[in-house]
Amino acid sequence: MTLYESTEGLVSLESNGITLYIEPKLKDYLESLGKVHIDYLSDSQFEGFHVYIDMGAGSRGCSC
C-alpha cells in the first residue's frame, strides 16, 4: 500500500502517533493470538520492524 491508496474497507490502528491500516480479518486474527507489540529497531546488526506477539502467561510468543 502506498500513501495514496484508498483506506476504504480497512481498519485503522494507532499507536504513538503512527496509524496503520489493515484488513479487518487480519485484525481479528492478530487479536486472537494475543497482544501485538511492534518496535522499530536500528543498531549495527539489524534495522527494521520487530514484531512480538505476547500470548499470555507461560508463553514465549514469537518474534518476526
PDB file of N, CA and C in Angstrom:
ATOM      1  N   MET A   1       0.847  -1.174   0.000  1.00  0.00           N
ATOM      2  CA  MET A   1       0.000   0.000   0.000  1.00  0.00           C
ATOM      3  C   MET A   1       0.890   1.234   0.000  1.00  0.00           C
ATOM      4  N   THR A   2       0.542   2.182  -0.806  1.00  0.00           N
ATOM      5  CA  THR A   2       1.267   3.451  -0.824  1.00  0.00           C
ATOM      6  C   THR A   2       0.483   4.490  -0.052  1.00  0.00           C
ATOM      7  N   LEU A   3       1.062   5.646   0.117  1.00  0.00           N
ATOM      8  CA  LEU A   3       0.396   6.719   0.843  1.00  0.00           C
ATOM      9  C   LEU A   3      -0.838   7.235   0.126  1.00  0.00           C
ATOM     10  N   TYR A   4      -0.956   6.934  -1.162  1.00  0.00           N
ATOM     11  CA  TYR A   4      -2.054   7.482  -1.953  1.00  0.00           C
ATOM     12  C   TYR A   4      -3.178   6.493  -2.221  1.00  0.00           C
ATOM     13  N   GLU A   5      -3.064   5.257  -1.714  1.00  0.00           N
ATOM     14  CA  GLU A   5      -4.111   4.276  -1.926  1.00  0.00           C
ATOM     15  C   GLU A   5      -5.274   4.526  -0.967  1.00  0.00           C
ATOM     16  N   SER A   6      -6.452   4.084  -1.356  1.00  0.00           N
ATOM     17  CA  SER A   6      -7.641   4.236  -0.536  1.00  0.00           C
ATOM     18  C   SER A   6      -7.560   3.341   0.699  1.00  0.00           C
ATOM     19  N   THR A   7      -8.053   3.851   1.810  1.00  0.00           N
ATOM     20  CA  THR A   7      -8.116   3.066   3.042  1.00  0.00           C
ATOM     21  C   THR A   7      -9.539   2.572   3.301  1.00  0.00           C
ATOM     22  N   GLU A   8     -10.402   2.735   2.309  1.00  0.00           N
ATOM     23  CA  GLU A   8     -11.791   2.296   2.443  1.00  0.00           C
ATOM     24  C   GLU A   8     -11.840   0.790   2.677  1.00  0.00           C
ATOM     25  N   GLY A   9     -12.602   0.377   3.675  1.00  0.00           N
ATOM     26  CA  GLY A   9     -12.754  -1.031   3.986  1.00  0.00           C
ATOM     27  C   GLY A   9     -11.666  -1.580   4.899  1.00  0.00           C
ATOM     28  N   LEU A  10     -10.690  -0.737   5.259  1.00  0.00           N
ATOM     29  CA  LEU A  10      -9.623  -1.166   6.145  1.00  0.00           C
ATOM     30  C   LEU A  10      -9.883  -0.656   7.560  1.00  0.00           C
ATOM     31  N   VAL A  11      -9.277  -1.316   8.524  1.00  0.00           N
ATOM     32  CA  VAL A  11      -9.393  -0.929   9.924  1.00  0.00           C
ATOM     33  C   VAL A  11      -8.125  -0.170  10.297  1.00  0.00           C
ATOM     34  N   SER A  12      -8.281   0.946  11.001  1.00  0.00           N
ATOM     35  CA  SER A  12      -7.102   1.714  11.400  1.00  0.00           C
ATOM     36  C   SER A  12      -6.721   1.395  12.840  1.00  0.00           C
ATOM     37  N   LEU A  13      -5.426   1.272  13.057  1.00  0.00           N
ATOM     38  CA  LEU A  13      -4.858   1.085  14.382  1.00  0.00           C
ATOM     39  C   LEU A  13      -3.874   2.226  14.600  1.00  0.00           C
ATOM     40  N   GLU A  14      -3.855   2.810  15.777  1.00  0.00           N
ATOM     41  CA  GLU A  14      -2.948   3.920  16.032  1.00  0.00           C
ATOM     42  C   GLU A  14      -2.178   3.699  17.317  1.00  0.00           C
ATOM     43  N   SER A  15      -0.891   4.009  17.274  1.00  0.00           N
ATOM     44  CA  SER A  15      -0.032   3.911  18.445  1.00  0.00           C
ATOM     45  C   SER A  15       1.116   4.895  18.289  1.00  0.00           C
ATOM     46  N   ASN A  16       1.355   5.676  19.315  1.00  0.00           N
ATOM     47  CA  ASN A  16       2.463   6.630  19.327  1.00  0.00           C
ATOM     48  C   ASN A  16       2.471   7.554  18.114  1.00  0.00           C
ATOM     49  N   GLY A  17       1.295   7.966  17.688  1.00  0.00           N
ATOM     50  CA  GLY A  17       1.196   8.899  16.569  1.00  0.00           C
ATOM     51  C   GLY A  17       1.310   8.277  15.195  1.00  0.00           C
ATOM     52  N   ILE A  18       1.404   6.959  15.114  1.00  0.00           N
ATOM     53  CA  ILE A  18       1.509   6.262  13.834  1.00  0.00           C
ATOM     54  C   ILE A  18       0.216   5.497  13.594  1.00  0.00           C
ATOM     55  N   THR A  19      -0.361   5.671  12.412  1.00  0.00           N
ATOM     56  CA  THR A  19      -1.584   4.977  12.051  1.00  0.00           C
ATOM     57  C   THR A  19      -1.270   3.892  11.036  1.00  0.00           C
ATOM     58  N   LEU A  20      -1.786   2.707  11.293  1.00  0.00           N
ATOM     59  CA  LEU A  20      -1.602   1.554  10.434  1.00  0.00           C
ATOM     60  C   LEU A  20      -2.973   1.114   9.945  1.00  0.00           C
ATOM     61  N   TYR A  21      -3.097   0.811   8.658  1.00  0.00           N
ATOM     62  CA  TYR A  21      -4.358   0.342   8.089  1.00  0.00           C
ATOM     63  C   TYR A  21      -4.202  -1.112   7.673  1.00  0.00           C
ATOM     64  N   ILE A  22      -5.089  -1.982   8.183  1.00  0.00           N
ATOM     65  CA  ILE A  22      -5.026  -3.403   7.869  1.00  0.00           C
ATOM     66  C   ILE A  22      -6.414  -3.938   7.548  1.00  0.00           C
ATOM     67  N   GLU A  23      -6.436  -5.126   6.949  1.00  0.00           N
ATOM     68  CA  GLU A  23      -7.692  -5.798   6.640  1.00  0.00           C
ATOM     69  C   GLU A  23      -8.392  -6.185   7.942  1.00  0.00           C
ATOM     70  N   PRO A  24      -9.720  -6.082   8.011  1.00  0.00           N
ATOM     71  CA  PRO A  24     -10.442  -6.460   9.226  1.00  0.00           C
ATOM     72  C   PRO A  24     -10.174  -7.892   9.677  1.00  0.00           C
ATOM     73  N   LYS A  25     -10.063  -8.837   8.736  1.00  0.00           N
ATOM     74  CA  LYS A  25      -9.798 -10.232   9.102  1.00  0.00           C
ATOM     75  C   LYS A  25      -8.422 -10.379   9.752  1.00  0.00           C
ATOM     76  N   LEU A  26      -7.445  -9.603   9.300  1.00  0.00           N
ATOM     77  CA  LEU A  26      -6.116  -9.650   9.900  1.00  0.00           C
ATOM     78  C   LEU A  26      -6.158  -9.137  11.331  1.00  0.00           C
ATOM     79  N   LYS A  27      -6.925  -8.080  11.569  1.00  0.00           N
ATOM     80  CA  LYS A  27      -7.058  -7.553  12.927  1.00  0.00           C
ATOM     81  C   LYS A  27      -7.666  -8.605  13.838  1.00  0.00           C
ATOM     82  N   ASP A  28      -8.706  -9.267  13.384  1.00  0.00           N
ATOM     83  CA  ASP A  28      -9.345 -10.326  14.177  1.00  0.00           C
ATOM     84  C   ASP A  28      -8.351 -11.444  14.483  1.00  0.00           C
ATOM     85  N   TYR A  29      -7.558 -11.826  13.484  1.00  0.00           N
ATOM     86  CA  TYR A  29      -6.578 -12.889  13.670  1.00  0.00           C
ATOM     87  C   TYR A  29      -5.518 -12.471  14.689  1.00  0.00           C
ATOM     88  N   LEU A  30      -4.981 -11.274  14.560  1.00  0.00           N
ATOM     89  CA  LEU A  30      -3.962 -10.798  15.491  1.00  0.00           C
ATOM     90  C   LEU A  30      -4.508 -10.730  16.914  1.00  0.00           C
ATOM     91  N   GLU A  31      -5.740 -10.260  17.068  1.00  0.00           N
ATOM     92  CA  GLU A  31      -6.345 -10.182  18.395  1.00  0.00           C
ATOM     93  C   GLU A  31      -6.550 -11.572  18.996  1.00  0.00           C
ATOM     94  N   SER A  32      -6.784 -12.574  18.159  1.00  0.00           N
ATOM     95  CA  SER A  32      -6.963 -13.933  18.675  1.00  0.00           C
ATOM     96  C   SER A  32      -5.650 -14.519  19.188  1.00  0.00           C
ATOM     97  N   LEU A  33      -4.517 -14.017  18.688  1.00  0.00           N
ATOM     98  CA  LEU A  33      -3.210 -14.513  19.123  1.00  0.00           C
ATOM     99  C   LEU A  33      -2.789 -13.951  20.469  1.00  0.00           C
ATOM    100  N   GLY A  34      -3.126 -12.715  20.715  1.00  0.00           N
ATOM    101  CA  GLY A  34      -2.700 -12.045  21.939  1.00  0.00           C
ATOM    102  C   GLY A  34      -2.328 -10.604  21.639  1.00  0.00           C
ATOM    103  N   LYS A  35      -1.636  -9.988  22.565  1.00  0.00           N
ATOM    104  CA  LYS A  35      -1.251  -8.593  22.408  1.00  0.00           C
ATOM    105  C   LYS A  35      -0.036  -8.486  21.489  1.00  0.00           C
ATOM    106  N   VAL A  36      -0.130  -7.650  20.470  1.00  0.00           N
ATOM    107  CA  VAL A  36       0.932  -7.496  19.488  1.00  0.00           C
ATOM    108  C   VAL A  36       1.712  -6.227  19.794  1.00  0.00           C
ATOM    109  N   HIS A  37       3.041  -6.363  19.842  1.00  0.00           N
ATOM    110  CA  HIS A  37       3.938  -5.232  20.062  1.00  0.00           C
ATOM    111  C   HIS A  37       4.772  -5.052  18.805  1.00  0.00           C
ATOM    112  N   ILE A  38       4.875  -3.813  18.329  1.00  0.00           N
ATOM    113  CA  ILE A  38       5.692  -3.528  17.150  1.00  0.00           C
ATOM    114  C   ILE A  38       6.669  -2.422  17.514  1.00  0.00           C
ATOM    115  N   ASP A  39       7.951  -2.679  17.292  1.00  0.00           N
ATOM    116  CA  ASP A  39       9.002  -1.694  17.543  1.00  0.00           C
ATOM    117  C   ASP A  39       9.845  -1.553  16.290  1.00  0.00           C
ATOM    118  N   TYR A  40      10.448  -0.384  16.136  1.00  0.00           N
ATOM    119  CA  TYR A  40      11.422  -0.185  15.071  1.00  0.00           C
ATOM    120  C   TYR A  40      12.793  -0.181  15.715  1.00  0.00           C
ATOM    121  N   LEU A  41      13.662  -1.077  15.265  1.00  0.00           N
ATOM    122  CA  LEU A  41      14.997  -1.201  15.836  1.00  0.00           C
ATOM    123  C   LEU A  41      16.048  -0.823  14.808  1.00  0.00           C
ATOM    124  N   SER A  42      17.095  -0.177  15.283  1.00  0.00           N
ATOM    125  CA  SER A  42      18.209   0.178  14.411  1.00  0.00           C
ATOM    126  C   SER A  42      19.490   0.100  15.224  1.00  0.00           C
ATOM    127  N   ASP A  43      20.333  -0.879  14.879  1.00  0.00           N
ATOM    128  CA  ASP A  43      21.646  -0.971  15.504  1.00  0.00           C
ATOM    129  C   ASP A  43      22.631  -1.524  14.477  1.00  0.00           C
ATOM    130  N   SER A  44      23.810  -1.908  14.909  1.00  0.00           N
ATOM    131  CA  SER A  44      24.838  -2.362  13.967  1.00  0.00           C
ATOM    132  C   SER A  44      24.509  -3.701  13.315  1.00  0.00           C
ATOM    133  N   GLN A  45      23.596  -4.473  13.908  1.00  0.00           N
ATOM    134  CA  GLN A  45      23.278  -5.797  13.374  1.00  0.00           C
ATOM    135  C   GLN A  45      21.922  -5.884  12.690  1.00  0.00           C
ATOM    136  N   PHE A  46      21.011  -4.974  12.995  1.00  0.00           N
ATOM    137  CA  PHE A  46      19.650  -5.088  12.470  1.00  0.00           C
ATOM    138  C   PHE A  46      19.012  -3.714  12.360  1.00  0.00           C
ATOM    139  N   GLU A  47      18.266  -3.521  11.294  1.00  0.00           N
ATOM    140  CA  GLU A  47      17.440  -2.325  11.153  1.00  0.00           C
ATOM    141  C   GLU A  47      16.126  -2.742  10.529  1.00  0.00           C
ATOM    142  N   GLY A  48      15.030  -2.472  11.225  1.00  0.00           N
ATOM    143  CA  GLY A  48      13.719  -2.820  10.705  1.00  0.00           C
ATOM    144  C   GLY A  48      12.714  -2.981  11.829  1.00  0.00           C
ATOM    145  N   PHE A  49      11.567  -3.507  11.481  1.00  0.00           N
ATOM    146  CA  PHE A  49      10.488  -3.672  12.437  1.00  0.00           C
ATOM    147  C   PHE A  49      10.627  -5.003  13.163  1.00  0.00           C
ATOM    148  N   HIS A  50      10.413  -4.978  14.449  1.00  0.00           N
ATOM    149  CA  HIS A  50      10.420  -6.165  15.292  1.00  0.00           C
ATOM    150  C   HIS A  50       8.997  -6.354  15.790  1.00  0.00           C
ATOM    151  N   VAL A  51       8.408  -7.508  15.492  1.00  0.00           N
ATOM    152  CA  VAL A  51       7.033  -7.797  15.888  1.00  0.00           C
ATOM    153  C   VAL A  51       7.063  -8.899  16.931  1.00  0.00           C
ATOM    154  N   TYR A  52       6.447  -8.654  18.074  1.00  0.00           N
ATOM    155  CA  TYR A  52       6.389  -9.633  19.148  1.00  0.00           C
ATOM    156  C   TYR A  52       4.926  -9.842  19.527  1.00  0.00           C
ATOM    157  N   ILE A  53       4.512 -11.089  19.610  1.00  0.00           N
ATOM    158  CA  ILE A  53       3.146 -11.415  19.999  1.00  0.00           C
ATOM    159  C   ILE A  53       3.186 -12.033  21.389  1.00  0.00           C
ATOM    160  N   ASP A  54       2.608 -11.339  22.361  1.00  0.00           N
ATOM    161  CA  ASP A  54       2.538 -11.817  23.733  1.00  0.00           C
ATOM    162  C   ASP A  54       1.304 -12.699  23.849  1.00  0.00           C
ATOM    163  N   MET A  55       1.518 -13.997  24.004  1.00  0.00           N
ATOM    164  CA  MET A  55       0.418 -14.957  24.018  1.00  0.00           C
ATOM    165  C   MET A  55      -0.038 -15.316  25.429  1.00  0.00           C
ATOM    166  N   GLY A  56       0.350 -14.523  26.403  1.00  0.00           N
ATOM    167  CA  GLY A  56      -0.114 -14.749  27.767  1.00  0.00           C
ATOM    168  C   GLY A  56       0.899 -15.459  28.642  1.00  0.00           C
ATOM    169  N   ALA A  57       0.502 -15.695  29.879  1.00  0.00           N
ATOM    170  CA  ALA A  57       1.369 -16.307  30.877  1.00  0.00           C
ATOM    171  C   ALA A  57       1.853 -17.683  30.428  1.00  0.00           C
ATOM    172  N   GLY A  58       3.126 -17.932  30.629  1.00  0.00           N
ATOM    173  CA  GLY A  58       3.684 -19.233  30.285  1.00  0.00           C
ATOM    174  C   GLY A  58       3.994 -19.405  28.812  1.00  0.00           C
ATOM    175  N   SER A  59       3.774 -18.375  28.026  1.00  0.00           N
ATOM    176  CA  SER A  59       4.016 -18.462  26.590  1.00  0.00           C
ATOM    177  C   SER A  59       5.174 -17.558  26.216  1.00  0.00           C
ATOM    178  N   ARG A  60       5.987 -18.015  25.292  1.00  0.00           N
ATOM    179  CA  ARG A  60       7.109 -17.221  24.847  1.00  0.00           C
ATOM    180  C   ARG A  60       6.726 -16.254  23.724  1.00  0.00           C
ATOM    181  N   GLY A  61       5.605 -16.453  23.083  1.00  0.00           N
ATOM    182  CA  GLY A  61       5.214 -15.608  21.973  1.00  0.00           C
ATOM    183  C   GLY A  61       6.108 -15.868  20.781  1.00  0.00           C
ATOM    184  N   CYS A  62       6.239 -14.903  19.906  1.00  0.00           N
ATOM    185  CA  CYS A  62       7.122 -15.063  18.771  1.00  0.00           C
ATOM    186  C   CYS A  62       7.695 -13.719  18.358  1.00  0.00           C
ATOM    187  N   SER A  63       8.781 -13.786  17.685  1.00  0.00           N
ATOM    188  CA  SER A  63       9.434 -12.595  17.168  1.00  0.00           C
ATOM    189  C   SER A  63       9.608 -12.790  15.675  1.00  0.00           C
ATOM    190  N   CYS A  64       9.132 -11.838  14.878  1.00  0.00           N
ATOM    191  CA  CYS A  64       9.175 -11.991  13.423  1.00  0.00           C
ATOM    192  C   CYS A  64      10.058 -10.924  12.816  1.00  0.00           C
TER     193      CYS A  64
END
